[in-house]
Amino acid sequence: MGNKRYKQKHREIEEKPMTKQEHVNALRADETVHYNCCQSVLIPFAQECGLSHEAANALGSNFGAGMRRGATCGAVTGALMVLGMTGKDPAAAKELTDAFKEKNGCLDCAQLLAEAAKRGEPRKPHCDRMVREAVELLEKLHK
């Protein structure tokens, strides 16, 4: 997918006032542009992190699919980036990861996907849910 399409998508999104969850839904709904889970968490918080949408997109590009290895879920890594970039202390990171793990059983992408498959949940809806949950946790920590 060309950089031109991403820039067009960013402009479309920036023009509309949206909640974080609406922003996530807009990113995840467009099947012509793929945003991985990390990007989908990081981009809605770009402004608070002092980043442009393009910079947030680039920063998160190699953290999807568990850092491309099935390791820590990209939604979690994106959320941890937001916490770091917005000056939250390590206790907030622990709170977020503990809450995510309690709700989902683990933090690893491969294991999360395997459990979703056992339940018959397709990958895209599962990942969309992980992103929404990570953003919800971030919003609670930013209140």
Protein backbone atom coordinates (compact mmCIF):
# COMPACT_ATOMS: atom_id res chain seq x y z
CA MET A 1 0.00 0.00 0.00
CA GLY A 2 1.46 3.30 -1.04
CA ASN A 3 2.39 6.11 1.28
CA LYS A 4 0.01 8.36 -0.68
CA ARG A 5 -3.02 6.31 0.47
CA TYR A 6 -1.93 6.52 4.12
CA LYS A 7 -1.53 10.30 3.87
CA GLN A 8 -4.97 10.59 2.30
CA LYS A 9 -6.49 8.49 5.09
CA HIS A 10 -4.75 10.60 7.75
CA ARG A 11 -6.13 13.80 6.20
CA GLU A 12 -9.66 12.34 6.12
CA ILE A 13 -9.48 11.36 9.77
CA GLU A 14 -7.90 14.61 10.96
CA GLU A 15 -10.72 16.62 9.39
CA LYS A 16 -13.40 15.03 11.59
CA PRO A 17 -13.72 15.50 15.35
CA MET A 18 -13.80 12.00 16.86
CA THR A 19 -13.50 10.21 20.16
CA LYS A 20 -10.53 7.85 20.52
CA GLN A 21 -12.81 4.84 19.94
CA GLU A 22 -14.32 6.44 16.83
CA HIS A 23 -10.80 7.10 15.58
CA VAL A 24 -9.90 3.44 16.15
CA ASN A 25 -13.04 2.31 14.35
CA ALA A 26 -12.22 4.57 11.38
CA LEU A 27 -8.68 3.19 11.15
CA ARG A 28 -9.74 -0.44 11.47
CA ALA A 29 -12.74 -0.19 9.11
CA ASP A 30 -10.86 0.90 5.99
CA GLU A 31 -9.78 -2.30 4.27
CA THR A 32 -7.84 -0.41 1.58
CA VAL A 33 -5.29 0.75 4.17
CA HIS A 34 -4.00 -1.68 6.80
CA TYR A 35 -3.11 -0.33 10.21
CA ASN A 36 -1.65 -2.94 12.52
CA CYS A 37 -2.76 -3.15 16.14
CA CYS A 38 0.09 -1.00 17.45
CA GLN A 39 -0.56 1.74 14.89
CA SER A 40 -4.29 1.56 15.59
CA VAL A 41 -3.68 2.32 19.27
CA LEU A 42 -0.87 4.84 18.79
CA ILE A 43 -2.35 7.01 16.01
CA PRO A 44 -5.46 8.18 17.94
CA PHE A 45 -3.12 9.42 20.70
CA ALA A 46 -0.56 10.96 18.31
CA GLN A 47 -1.33 14.54 19.27
CA GLU A 48 -1.00 13.84 23.01
CA CYS A 49 2.31 12.12 22.26
CA GLY A 50 3.62 15.08 20.29
CA LEU A 51 3.58 13.10 17.04
CA SER A 52 2.01 13.62 13.65
CA HIS A 53 -0.24 10.86 12.36
CA GLU A 54 2.51 10.00 9.87
CA ALA A 55 5.14 9.74 12.61
CA ALA A 56 2.87 7.59 14.78
CA ASN A 57 2.15 5.40 11.76
CA ALA A 58 5.88 4.96 11.09
CA LEU A 59 6.73 4.39 14.76
CA GLY A 60 4.20 1.58 15.11
CA SER A 61 4.85 -0.03 11.74
CA ASN A 62 7.00 -2.93 12.96
CA PHE A 63 5.16 -3.69 16.18
CA GLY A 64 2.11 -5.40 14.69
CA ALA A 65 1.64 -9.17 14.92
CA GLY A 66 3.51 -9.26 18.19
CA MET A 67 6.57 -7.45 16.86
CA ARG A 68 6.25 -9.63 13.75
CA ARG A 69 7.03 -12.68 15.89
CA GLY A 70 3.82 -13.47 17.79
CA ALA A 71 5.31 -11.88 20.92
CA THR A 72 3.65 -9.07 22.90
CA CYS A 73 0.37 -7.97 21.31
CA GLY A 74 0.73 -4.84 19.18
CA ALA A 75 -2.23 -3.22 20.94
CA VAL A 76 -0.33 -3.57 24.21
CA THR A 77 2.95 -2.25 22.79
CA GLY A 78 1.11 0.71 21.27
CA ALA A 79 -0.54 1.44 24.60
CA LEU A 80 2.81 1.25 26.39
CA MET A 81 4.28 3.69 23.86
CA VAL A 82 1.45 6.12 24.56
CA LEU A 83 2.01 5.85 28.31
CA GLY A 84 5.72 6.52 27.88
CA MET A 85 5.25 9.39 25.45
CA THR A 86 2.70 11.07 27.73
CA GLY A 87 4.89 10.84 30.82
CA LYS A 88 3.00 8.17 32.75
CA ASP A 89 5.06 6.31 35.32
CA PRO A 90 5.86 2.58 35.31
CA ALA A 91 2.96 1.92 37.70
CA ALA A 92 0.55 2.95 34.92
CA ALA A 93 2.23 0.51 32.53
CA LYS A 94 1.90 -2.28 35.08
CA GLU A 95 -1.74 -1.38 35.69
CA LEU A 96 -2.47 -1.48 31.97
CA THR A 97 -0.68 -4.76 31.29
CA ASP A 98 -2.16 -6.40 34.39
CA ALA A 99 -5.69 -5.35 33.38
CA PHE A 100 -5.20 -6.49 29.78
CA LYS A 101 -3.80 -9.84 30.93
CA GLU A 102 -6.59 -10.33 33.47
CA LYS A 103 -9.23 -9.74 30.81
CA ASN A 104 -7.58 -11.74 28.03
CA GLY A 105 -5.45 -14.35 29.81
CA CYS A 106 -2.09 -13.29 28.37
CA LEU A 107 -0.21 -10.57 26.50
CA ASP A 108 1.24 -12.61 23.61
CA CYS A 109 -0.21 -12.16 20.14
CA ALA A 110 0.23 -15.78 19.08
CA GLN A 111 -1.46 -17.12 22.20
CA LEU A 112 -4.27 -14.54 22.01
CA LEU A 113 -4.90 -15.51 18.38
CA ALA A 114 -4.82 -19.23 19.21
CA GLU A 115 -7.41 -18.75 21.95
CA ALA A 116 -9.57 -16.66 19.61
CA ALA A 117 -9.39 -19.41 16.97
CA LYS A 118 -10.49 -22.00 19.55
CA ARG A 119 -13.56 -19.84 20.24
CA GLY A 120 -14.21 -19.50 16.51
CA GLU A 121 -13.43 -15.78 16.53
CA PRO A 122 -11.83 -14.67 13.23
CA ARG A 123 -8.54 -12.78 13.37
CA LYS A 124 -9.74 -9.32 12.28
CA PRO A 125 -12.65 -9.02 14.76
CA HIS A 126 -10.37 -10.40 17.48
CA CYS A 127 -7.62 -7.87 16.76
CA ASP A 128 -10.16 -5.06 16.49
CA ARG A 129 -11.38 -6.01 19.96
CA MET A 130 -7.83 -6.07 21.36
CA VAL A 131 -7.23 -2.56 19.99
CA ARG A 132 -10.49 -1.23 21.41
CA GLU A 133 -9.70 -2.75 24.82
CA ALA A 134 -6.20 -1.24 24.87
CA VAL A 135 -7.58 2.20 23.97
CA GLU A 136 -10.27 1.88 26.64
CA LEU A 137 -7.60 1.08 29.24
CA LEU A 138 -5.52 4.06 28.08
CA GLU A 139 -8.50 6.37 28.33
CA LYS A 140 -9.08 5.26 31.93
CA LEU A 141 -5.44 5.89 32.80
CA HIS A 142 -5.50 9.35 31.19
CA LYS A 143 -8.47 10.63 33.22
